[in-house]
């Protein structure tokens, strides 16, 4: 296994996106979803690296993790041994990096089984440029994201896994601006240093365009319905637009909405917004 790592100073200020690369260890059919299994594996690594930290994460109201599902092409007639897959781990507290990688080292050559399907651990990427989903950011630098006329007027987000939100007593699958940016603001304030916290906001953003479909993410005990696709938001208020731009960059690491540590709410800022088709 190749381990590509980058530990930076001031870890509490740093966000990370790690990519865990796997290979199928045998031929067969991988379960449709492995969200809970991936969550369990990452928590086991953290427990090996720092048992007390793992317990604190279990007890927390806001998870410092965002996890993707299993990414990769599945063959129509079944996966072959050696086929490549990966999943992404977002760390909202940089101090989790060291115990996580320590746990991976302690795991060593133990079998890695997700949903009863065996995999081999190939590599872990953290350096920007080593994998398209790997990277890091700094809360202070994000809070001072340069603004331009274009970025402060419209923001386009791509929801790449099913996304939903708690609203009143129900679940809302449509990513309304107040739900999306309210979720991001809450998570930012939970993990950024106190001096970087933002005040509460009565969001006045509008949805100017979208292309969405609802999908069901299968989990033990049922399915979670959420929206996937892109949404373009317009913020007429310049200060709200500035804050929304910061949070849109943060979304890559944090995820948006419910169950972000179970594969939901994976989100990316679209750098080249979708053109309208006539």
C-alpha atoms as a PDB file:
ATOM      1  CA  UNK A   1       0.000   0.000   0.000  1.00  0.00           C
ATOM      2  CA  UNK A   2       1.258   3.460  -0.904  1.00  0.00           C
ATOM      3  CA  UNK A   3       0.546   6.124   1.737  1.00  0.00           C
ATOM      4  CA  UNK A   4       0.646   9.700   0.447  1.00  0.00           C
ATOM      5  CA  UNK A   5       0.380  12.083   3.381  1.00  0.00           C
ATOM      6  CA  UNK A   6       0.716  15.772   4.138  1.00  0.00           C
ATOM      7  CA  UNK A   7       0.485  17.013   7.705  1.00  0.00           C
ATOM      8  CA  UNK A   8       0.463  20.782   7.962  1.00  0.00           C
ATOM      9  CA  UNK A   9       0.896  23.030  11.030  1.00  0.00           C
ATOM     10  CA  UNK A  10      -2.056  24.625  12.769  1.00  0.00           C
ATOM     11  CA  UNK A  11      -4.172  21.521  12.201  1.00  0.00           C
ATOM     12  CA  UNK A  12      -7.214  22.963  13.936  1.00  0.00           C
ATOM     13  CA  UNK A  13      -7.294  25.613  11.203  1.00  0.00           C
ATOM     14  CA  UNK A  14      -7.064  23.091   8.369  1.00  0.00           C
ATOM     15  CA  UNK A  15      -9.654  21.123   6.429  1.00  0.00           C
ATOM     16  CA  UNK A  16      -8.718  18.024   4.467  1.00  0.00           C
ATOM     17  CA  UNK A  17     -10.157  15.919   1.710  1.00  0.00           C
ATOM     18  CA  UNK A  18      -8.559  12.478   1.630  1.00  0.00           C
ATOM     19  CA  UNK A  19      -9.102   9.837  -1.026  1.00  0.00           C
ATOM     20  CA  UNK A  20      -8.910   6.178  -0.027  1.00  0.00           C
ATOM     21  CA  UNK A  21      -8.154   4.008  -3.049  1.00  0.00           C
ATOM     22  CA  UNK A  22      -9.269   0.377  -2.994  1.00  0.00           C
ATOM     23  CA  UNK A  23      -9.038  -2.620  -5.278  1.00  0.00           C
ATOM     24  CA  UNK A  24     -11.596  -5.401  -5.457  1.00  0.00           C
ATOM     25  CA  UNK A  25      -9.999  -8.486  -3.913  1.00  0.00           C
ATOM     26  CA  UNK A  26     -12.138 -10.980  -5.819  1.00  0.00           C
ATOM     27  CA  UNK A  27     -14.761 -11.303  -8.540  1.00  0.00           C
ATOM     28  CA  UNK A  28     -18.384 -10.704  -7.589  1.00  0.00           C
ATOM     29  CA  UNK A  29     -21.177  -8.209  -7.127  1.00  0.00           C
ATOM     30  CA  UNK A  30     -20.568  -5.266  -4.792  1.00  0.00           C
ATOM     31  CA  UNK A  31     -23.621  -4.205  -2.721  1.00  0.00           C
ATOM     32  CA  UNK A  32     -25.531  -1.253  -4.153  1.00  0.00           C
ATOM     33  CA  UNK A  33     -24.542   1.000  -1.276  1.00  0.00           C
ATOM     34  CA  UNK A  34     -21.732   0.780   1.256  1.00  0.00           C
ATOM     35  CA  UNK A  35     -22.297   4.091   3.045  1.00  0.00           C
ATOM     36  CA  UNK A  36     -22.700   2.610   6.519  1.00  0.00           C
ATOM     37  CA  UNK A  37     -19.826   0.177   5.984  1.00  0.00           C
ATOM     38  CA  UNK A  38     -17.492   2.993   4.886  1.00  0.00           C
ATOM     39  CA  UNK A  39     -18.509   5.034   7.938  1.00  0.00           C
ATOM     40  CA  UNK A  40     -17.781   2.052  10.182  1.00  0.00           C
ATOM     41  CA  UNK A  41     -14.359   1.508   8.603  1.00  0.00           C
ATOM     42  CA  UNK A  42     -13.295   5.152   9.037  1.00  0.00           C
ATOM     43  CA  UNK A  43     -14.501   5.155  12.654  1.00  0.00           C
ATOM     44  CA  UNK A  44     -12.538   1.938  13.300  1.00  0.00           C
ATOM     45  CA  UNK A  45      -9.400   3.599  11.952  1.00  0.00           C
ATOM     46  CA  UNK A  46      -9.965   6.606  14.215  1.00  0.00           C
ATOM     47  CA  UNK A  47     -10.545   4.291  17.177  1.00  0.00           C
ATOM     48  CA  UNK A  48      -7.236   2.553  16.529  1.00  0.00           C
ATOM     49  CA  UNK A  49      -5.492   5.917  16.282  1.00  0.00           C
ATOM     50  CA  UNK A  50      -7.165   7.551  19.304  1.00  0.00           C
ATOM     51  CA  UNK A  51      -9.957   5.685  21.162  1.00  0.00           C
ATOM     52  CA  UNK A  52     -11.040   8.736  23.189  1.00  0.00           C
ATOM     53  CA  UNK A  53     -11.318  10.873  20.073  1.00  0.00           C
ATOM     54  CA  UNK A  54     -13.441   8.207  18.412  1.00  0.00           C
ATOM     55  CA  UNK A  55     -15.846   8.180  21.374  1.00  0.00           C
ATOM     56  CA  UNK A  56     -16.074  11.967  21.302  1.00  0.00           C
ATOM     57  CA  UNK A  57     -17.042  11.888  17.608  1.00  0.00           C
ATOM     58  CA  UNK A  58     -19.727   9.274  18.310  1.00  0.00           C
ATOM     59  CA  UNK A  59     -21.178  11.529  21.015  1.00  0.00           C
ATOM     60  CA  UNK A  60     -21.023  14.765  19.014  1.00  0.00           C
ATOM     61  CA  UNK A  61     -24.099  16.467  17.545  1.00  0.00           C
ATOM     62  CA  UNK A  62     -22.162  17.666  14.490  1.00  0.00           C
ATOM     63  CA  UNK A  63     -19.898  15.106  12.855  1.00  0.00           C
ATOM     64  CA  UNK A  64     -16.465  16.415  11.815  1.00  0.00           C
ATOM     65  CA  UNK A  65     -16.539  13.927   8.920  1.00  0.00           C
ATOM     66  CA  UNK A  66     -18.148  13.933   5.512  1.00  0.00           C
ATOM     67  CA  UNK A  67     -17.907  10.691   3.563  1.00  0.00           C
ATOM     68  CA  UNK A  68     -18.727   9.755   0.010  1.00  0.00           C
ATOM     69  CA  UNK A  69     -20.110   6.419  -1.039  1.00  0.00           C
ATOM     70  CA  UNK A  70     -17.997   3.978  -3.024  1.00  0.00           C
ATOM     71  CA  UNK A  71     -16.867   5.635  -6.262  1.00  0.00           C
ATOM     72  CA  UNK A  72     -15.872   3.726  -9.375  1.00  0.00           C
ATOM     73  CA  UNK A  73     -17.231   1.909 -12.363  1.00  0.00           C
ATOM     74  CA  UNK A  74     -19.100  -1.301 -11.640  1.00  0.00           C
ATOM     75  CA  UNK A  75     -19.140  -3.821 -14.477  1.00  0.00           C
ATOM     76  CA  UNK A  76     -22.629  -4.870 -15.626  1.00  0.00           C
ATOM     77  CA  UNK A  77     -21.638  -8.553 -15.338  1.00  0.00           C
ATOM     78  CA  UNK A  78     -19.865  -8.198 -12.016  1.00  0.00           C
ATOM     79  CA  UNK A  79     -16.720  -6.684 -10.572  1.00  0.00           C
ATOM     80  CA  UNK A  80     -13.400  -8.314 -11.421  1.00  0.00           C
ATOM     81  CA  UNK A  81     -10.521  -8.768  -8.987  1.00  0.00           C
ATOM     82  CA  UNK A  82      -8.220  -5.753  -9.225  1.00  0.00           C
ATOM     83  CA  UNK A  83     -10.898  -3.277 -10.320  1.00  0.00           C
ATOM     84  CA  UNK A  84     -10.247   0.158  -8.830  1.00  0.00           C
ATOM     85  CA  UNK A  85     -12.619   2.000  -6.474  1.00  0.00           C
ATOM     86  CA  UNK A  86     -12.275   4.814  -3.962  1.00  0.00           C
ATOM     87  CA  UNK A  87     -14.110   6.891  -1.411  1.00  0.00           C
ATOM     88  CA  UNK A  88     -13.541  10.395  -0.105  1.00  0.00           C
ATOM     89  CA  UNK A  89     -13.123  11.514   3.508  1.00  0.00           C
ATOM     90  CA  UNK A  90     -13.682  15.167   4.406  1.00  0.00           C
ATOM     91  CA  UNK A  91     -12.129  16.256   7.721  1.00  0.00           C
ATOM     92  CA  UNK A  92     -13.535  19.476   9.185  1.00  0.00           C
ATOM     93  CA  UNK A  93     -11.008  19.399  12.016  1.00  0.00           C
ATOM     94  CA  UNK A  94      -7.446  18.976  10.812  1.00  0.00           C
ATOM     95  CA  UNK A  95      -6.368  17.411  14.113  1.00  0.00           C
ATOM     96  CA  UNK A  96      -8.166  14.229  12.986  1.00  0.00           C
ATOM     97  CA  UNK A  97      -5.630  13.653  10.225  1.00  0.00           C
ATOM     98  CA  UNK A  98      -2.869  12.211  12.407  1.00  0.00           C
ATOM     99  CA  UNK A  99      -4.993   9.707  14.390  1.00  0.00           C
ATOM    100  CA  UNK A 100      -6.781   8.634  11.210  1.00  0.00           C
ATOM    101  CA  UNK A 101      -3.531   7.835   9.391  1.00  0.00           C
ATOM    102  CA  UNK A 102      -2.149   6.229  12.539  1.00  0.00           C
ATOM    103  CA  UNK A 103      -5.205   3.994  12.647  1.00  0.00           C
ATOM    104  CA  UNK A 104      -4.664   3.009   9.014  1.00  0.00           C
ATOM    105  CA  UNK A 105      -1.075   2.052   9.827  1.00  0.00           C
ATOM    106  CA  UNK A 106      -2.201  -0.028  12.822  1.00  0.00           C
ATOM    107  CA  UNK A 107      -4.842  -1.721  10.692  1.00  0.00           C
ATOM    108  CA  UNK A 108      -1.981  -3.024   8.588  1.00  0.00           C
ATOM    109  CA  UNK A 109      -2.769  -6.142   6.586  1.00  0.00           C
ATOM    110  CA  UNK A 110      -6.054  -6.993   8.275  1.00  0.00           C
ATOM    111  CA  UNK A 111      -8.802  -7.957   5.799  1.00  0.00           C
ATOM    112  CA  UNK A 112     -10.821  -4.999   4.589  1.00  0.00           C
ATOM    113  CA  UNK A 113     -14.412  -6.100   4.019  1.00  0.00           C
ATOM    114  CA  UNK A 114     -17.218  -3.688   3.137  1.00  0.00           C
ATOM    115  CA  UNK A 115     -20.728  -5.119   2.999  1.00  0.00           C
ATOM    116  CA  UNK A 116     -19.259  -8.653   2.908  1.00  0.00           C
ATOM    117  CA  UNK A 117     -17.228  -7.803  -0.193  1.00  0.00           C
ATOM    118  CA  UNK A 118     -13.417  -7.958   0.213  1.00  0.00           C
ATOM    119  CA  UNK A 119     -11.128  -5.142  -0.903  1.00  0.00           C
ATOM    120  CA  UNK A 120      -7.416  -4.393  -0.778  1.00  0.00           C
ATOM    121  CA  UNK A 121      -6.257  -0.974   0.428  1.00  0.00           C
ATOM    122  CA  UNK A 122      -4.053   0.513  -2.267  1.00  0.00           C
ATOM    123  CA  UNK A 123      -3.300   4.078  -1.261  1.00  0.00           C
ATOM    124  CA  UNK A 124      -4.450   7.174   0.582  1.00  0.00           C
ATOM    125  CA  UNK A 125      -4.042  10.551  -1.098  1.00  0.00           C
ATOM    126  CA  UNK A 126      -4.045  13.882   0.739  1.00  0.00           C
ATOM    127  CA  UNK A 127      -1.836  16.145  -1.372  1.00  0.00           C
ATOM    128  CA  UNK A 128      -3.570  18.451  -3.860  1.00  0.00           C
ATOM    129  CA  UNK A 129      -2.742  17.212  -7.333  1.00  0.00           C
ATOM    130  CA  UNK A 130      -2.300  13.553  -6.370  1.00  0.00           C
ATOM    131  CA  UNK A 131      -6.001  12.873  -6.939  1.00  0.00           C
ATOM    132  CA  UNK A 132      -8.794  15.072  -8.262  1.00  0.00           C
ATOM    133  CA  UNK A 133     -10.736  14.740  -4.987  1.00  0.00           C
ATOM    134  CA  UNK A 134      -7.738  15.220  -2.657  1.00  0.00           C
ATOM    135  CA  UNK A 135      -6.943  18.602  -1.162  1.00  0.00           C
ATOM    136  CA  UNK A 136      -6.794  20.890   1.818  1.00  0.00           C
ATOM    137  CA  UNK A 137      -7.909  24.352   2.824  1.00  0.00           C
ATOM    138  CA  UNK A 138      -7.550  26.764   5.717  1.00  0.00           C
ATOM    139  CA  UNK A 139     -10.507  28.311   7.550  1.00  0.00           C
ATOM    140  CA  UNK A 140      -8.859  31.731   7.668  1.00  0.00           C
ATOM    141  CA  UNK A 141      -8.048  31.694   3.958  1.00  0.00           C
ATOM    142  CA  UNK A 142     -11.559  30.499   3.110  1.00  0.00           C
ATOM    143  CA  UNK A 143     -13.071  33.244   5.253  1.00  0.00           C
ATOM    144  CA  UNK A 144     -11.153  35.732   3.119  1.00  0.00           C
ATOM    145  CA  UNK A 145     -11.998  34.179  -0.250  1.00  0.00           C
ATOM    146  CA  UNK A 146     -11.470  36.858  -2.931  1.00  0.00           C
ATOM    147  CA  UNK A 147     -14.736  38.170  -4.320  1.00  0.00           C
ATOM    148  CA  UNK A 148     -15.553  39.131  -7.891  1.00  0.00           C
ATOM    149  CA  UNK A 149     -18.709  40.555  -9.399  1.00  0.00           C
ATOM    150  CA  UNK A 150     -19.539  37.180 -10.941  1.00  0.00           C
ATOM    151  CA  UNK A 151     -19.029  35.066  -7.825  1.00  0.00           C
ATOM    152  CA  UNK A 152     -20.991  37.449  -5.612  1.00  0.00           C
ATOM    153  CA  UNK A 153     -23.981  37.493  -7.988  1.00  0.00           C
ATOM    154  CA  UNK A 154     -24.514  33.797  -8.727  1.00  0.00           C
ATOM    155  CA  UNK A 155     -23.280  30.561  -7.208  1.00  0.00           C
ATOM    156  CA  UNK A 156     -23.812  27.158  -8.785  1.00  0.00           C
ATOM    157  CA  UNK A 157     -23.554  24.031  -6.638  1.00  0.00           C
ATOM    158  CA  UNK A 158     -23.476  20.461  -7.887  1.00  0.00           C
ATOM    159  CA  UNK A 159     -25.082  17.975  -5.485  1.00  0.00           C
ATOM    160  CA  UNK A 160     -23.311  14.761  -6.461  1.00  0.00           C
ATOM    161  CA  UNK A 161     -25.018  12.438  -3.969  1.00  0.00           C
ATOM    162  CA  UNK A 162     -28.620  12.444  -2.655  1.00  0.00           C
ATOM    163  CA  UNK A 163     -29.141  15.557  -0.534  1.00  0.00           C
ATOM    164  CA  UNK A 164     -31.955  16.385   1.878  1.00  0.00           C
ATOM    165  CA  UNK A 165     -32.672  18.600   4.875  1.00  0.00           C
ATOM    166  CA  UNK A 166     -34.696  18.650   8.039  1.00  0.00           C
ATOM    167  CA  UNK A 167     -37.462  21.228   7.687  1.00  0.00           C
ATOM    168  CA  UNK A 168     -40.015  21.711  10.461  1.00  0.00           C
ATOM    169  CA  UNK A 169     -41.114  18.145  11.253  1.00  0.00           C
ATOM    170  CA  UNK A 170     -40.372  16.666   7.857  1.00  0.00           C
ATOM    171  CA  UNK A 171     -37.630  16.035   5.318  1.00  0.00           C
ATOM    172  CA  UNK A 172     -37.147  18.426   2.396  1.00  0.00           C
ATOM    173  CA  UNK A 173     -35.287  17.080  -0.668  1.00  0.00           C
ATOM    174  CA  UNK A 174     -35.263  20.369  -2.597  1.00  0.00           C
ATOM    175  CA  UNK A 175     -32.077  22.369  -1.823  1.00  0.00           C
ATOM    176  CA  UNK A 176     -33.635  25.732  -1.011  1.00  0.00           C
ATOM    177  CA  UNK A 177     -31.026  28.474  -0.455  1.00  0.00           C
ATOM    178  CA  UNK A 178     -31.886  28.986   3.218  1.00  0.00           C
ATOM    179  CA  UNK A 179     -31.541  25.233   3.863  1.00  0.00           C
ATOM    180  CA  UNK A 180     -28.284  24.810   1.935  1.00  0.00           C
ATOM    181  CA  UNK A 181     -26.465  27.855   3.259  1.00  0.00           C
ATOM    182  CA  UNK A 182     -28.007  27.550   6.716  1.00  0.00           C
ATOM    183  CA  UNK A 183     -26.616  23.998   6.928  1.00  0.00           C
ATOM    184  CA  UNK A 184     -23.179  25.157   5.781  1.00  0.00           C
ATOM    185  CA  UNK A 185     -23.156  28.109   8.203  1.00  0.00           C
ATOM    186  CA  UNK A 186     -24.022  25.848  11.137  1.00  0.00           C
ATOM    187  CA  UNK A 187     -21.237  23.399  10.299  1.00  0.00           C
ATOM    188  CA  UNK A 188     -18.722  26.192   9.735  1.00  0.00           C
ATOM    189  CA  UNK A 189     -19.464  27.700  13.153  1.00  0.00           C
ATOM    190  CA  UNK A 190     -19.180  24.259  14.782  1.00  0.00           C
ATOM    191  CA  UNK A 191     -15.610  23.652  13.565  1.00  0.00           C
ATOM    192  CA  UNK A 192     -13.955  26.967  12.688  1.00  0.00           C
ATOM    193  CA  UNK A 193     -12.117  28.889  15.385  1.00  0.00           C
ATOM    194  CA  UNK A 194     -14.491  31.101  17.368  1.00  0.00           C
ATOM    195  CA  UNK A 195     -13.012  34.325  15.984  1.00  0.00           C
ATOM    196  CA  UNK A 196     -13.950  33.124  12.472  1.00  0.00           C
ATOM    197  CA  UNK A 197     -17.590  32.337  13.305  1.00  0.00           C
ATOM    198  CA  UNK A 198     -20.283  34.103  11.307  1.00  0.00           C
ATOM    199  CA  UNK A 199     -23.484  35.604  12.788  1.00  0.00           C
ATOM    200  CA  UNK A 200     -26.852  34.029  12.034  1.00  0.00           C
ATOM    201  CA  UNK A 201     -28.384  35.071   8.705  1.00  0.00           C
ATOM    202  CA  UNK A 202     -31.902  35.445   7.361  1.00  0.00           C
ATOM    203  CA  UNK A 203     -31.044  34.216   3.893  1.00  0.00           C
ATOM    204  CA  UNK A 204     -32.593  36.125   0.987  1.00  0.00           C
ATOM    205  CA  UNK A 205     -31.094  34.075  -1.841  1.00  0.00           C
ATOM    206  CA  UNK A 206     -33.144  32.872  -4.793  1.00  0.00           C
ATOM    207  CA  UNK A 207     -32.973  29.808  -7.025  1.00  0.00           C
ATOM    208  CA  UNK A 208     -32.410  31.114 -10.557  1.00  0.00           C
ATOM    209  CA  UNK A 209     -32.038  27.767 -12.360  1.00  0.00           C
ATOM    210  CA  UNK A 210     -31.730  24.078 -11.575  1.00  0.00           C
ATOM    211  CA  UNK A 211     -31.618  20.567 -12.979  1.00  0.00           C
ATOM    212  CA  UNK A 212     -32.396  18.017 -10.289  1.00  0.00           C
ATOM    213  CA  UNK A 213     -33.682  14.485  -9.863  1.00  0.00           C
ATOM    214  CA  UNK A 214     -34.559  12.621  -6.689  1.00  0.00           C
ATOM    215  CA  UNK A 215     -32.766   9.386  -5.884  1.00  0.00           C
ATOM    216  CA  UNK A 216     -33.004   6.841  -3.094  1.00  0.00           C
ATOM    217  CA  UNK A 217     -29.840   5.999  -1.165  1.00  0.00           C
ATOM    218  CA  UNK A 218     -30.293   2.525   0.291  1.00  0.00           C
ATOM    219  CA  UNK A 219     -29.340   2.068   3.920  1.00  0.00           C
ATOM    220  CA  UNK A 220     -29.977  -0.562   6.542  1.00  0.00           C
ATOM    221  CA  UNK A 221     -33.614  -0.296   7.552  1.00  0.00           C
ATOM    222  CA  UNK A 222     -34.768   1.606   4.458  1.00  0.00           C
ATOM    223  CA  UNK A 223     -33.855   4.276   1.929  1.00  0.00           C
ATOM    224  CA  UNK A 224     -33.132   7.979   2.147  1.00  0.00           C
ATOM    225  CA  UNK A 225     -34.577  10.170  -0.599  1.00  0.00           C
ATOM    226  CA  UNK A 226     -32.522  13.131  -1.760  1.00  0.00           C
ATOM    227  CA  UNK A 227     -31.890  15.391  -4.743  1.00  0.00           C
ATOM    228  CA  UNK A 228     -28.938  15.177  -7.129  1.00  0.00           C
ATOM    229  CA  UNK A 229     -27.989  17.651  -9.821  1.00  0.00           C
ATOM    230  CA  UNK A 230     -27.075  21.320 -10.040  1.00  0.00           C
ATOM    231  CA  UNK A 231     -28.695  24.457  -8.674  1.00  0.00           C
ATOM    232  CA  UNK A 232     -27.795  28.067  -9.408  1.00  0.00           C
ATOM    233  CA  UNK A 233     -28.401  30.554  -6.582  1.00  0.00           C
ATOM    234  CA  UNK A 234     -28.684  34.315  -6.904  1.00  0.00           C
ATOM    235  CA  UNK A 235     -27.968  36.658  -3.982  1.00  0.00           C
ATOM    236  CA  UNK A 236     -29.150  40.246  -4.485  1.00  0.00           C
ATOM    237  CA  UNK A 237     -27.539  41.322  -1.188  1.00  0.00           C
ATOM    238  CA  UNK A 238     -23.771  41.804  -1.607  1.00  0.00           C
ATOM    239  CA  UNK A 239     -22.877  40.834   1.990  1.00  0.00           C
ATOM    240  CA  UNK A 240     -24.930  37.642   1.834  1.00  0.00           C
ATOM    241  CA  UNK A 241     -23.399  36.869  -1.542  1.00  0.00           C
ATOM    242  CA  UNK A 242     -19.901  37.240  -0.086  1.00  0.00           C
ATOM    243  CA  UNK A 243     -20.710  34.890   2.805  1.00  0.00           C
ATOM    244  CA  UNK A 244     -22.428  32.399   0.484  1.00  0.00           C
ATOM    245  CA  UNK A 245     -19.294  32.306  -1.700  1.00  0.00           C
ATOM    246  CA  UNK A 246     -17.159  31.395   1.313  1.00  0.00           C
ATOM    247  CA  UNK A 247     -19.590  28.666   2.359  1.00  0.00           C
ATOM    248  CA  UNK A 248     -19.826  27.324  -1.197  1.00  0.00           C
ATOM    249  CA  UNK A 249     -16.062  26.660  -1.143  1.00  0.00           C
ATOM    250  CA  UNK A 250     -16.428  25.073   2.301  1.00  0.00           C
ATOM    251  CA  UNK A 251     -19.145  22.721   0.974  1.00  0.00           C
ATOM    252  CA  UNK A 252     -16.576  20.522  -0.797  1.00  0.00           C
ATOM    253  CA  UNK A 253     -15.141  19.505   2.578  1.00  0.00           C
ATOM    254  CA  UNK A 254     -18.252  19.571   4.753  1.00  0.00           C
ATOM    255  CA  UNK A 255     -21.063  18.247   2.602  1.00  0.00           C
ATOM    256  CA  UNK A 256     -24.552  19.736   2.859  1.00  0.00           C
ATOM    257  CA  UNK A 257     -27.674  18.734   4.752  1.00  0.00           C
ATOM    258  CA  UNK A 258     -28.432  15.429   6.475  1.00  0.00           C
ATOM    259  CA  UNK A 259     -26.286  12.316   6.956  1.00  0.00           C
ATOM    260  CA  UNK A 260     -23.125  13.725   5.385  1.00  0.00           C
ATOM    261  CA  UNK A 261     -21.078  11.091   7.236  1.00  0.00           C
ATOM    262  CA  UNK A 262     -23.165   8.385   5.500  1.00  0.00           C
ATOM    263  CA  UNK A 263     -22.551   9.462   1.921  1.00  0.00           C
ATOM    264  CA  UNK A 264     -25.333  12.025   1.517  1.00  0.00           C
ATOM    265  CA  UNK A 265     -24.924  15.686   0.608  1.00  0.00           C
ATOM    266  CA  UNK A 266     -21.620  15.482  -1.283  1.00  0.00           C
ATOM    267  CA  UNK A 267     -21.357  18.894  -2.926  1.00  0.00           C
ATOM    268  CA  UNK A 268     -19.023  20.773  -5.257  1.00  0.00           C
ATOM    269  CA  UNK A 269     -18.892  24.395  -6.330  1.00  0.00           C
ATOM    270  CA  UNK A 270     -19.201  24.623 -10.119  1.00  0.00           C
ATOM    271  CA  UNK A 271     -16.377  26.816 -11.367  1.00  0.00           C
ATOM    272  CA  UNK A 272     -17.850  27.026 -14.878  1.00  0.00           C
ATOM    273  CA  UNK A 273     -21.618  27.416 -14.399  1.00  0.00           C
ATOM    274  CA  UNK A 274     -23.965  25.535 -16.665  1.00  0.00           C
ATOM    275  CA  UNK A 275     -25.055  27.504 -19.722  1.00  0.00           C
ATOM    276  CA  UNK A 276     -28.766  27.841 -20.424  1.00  0.00           C
ATOM    277  CA  UNK A 277     -29.951  25.912 -23.462  1.00  0.00           C
ATOM    278  CA  UNK A 278     -32.397  27.634 -25.796  1.00  0.00           C
END
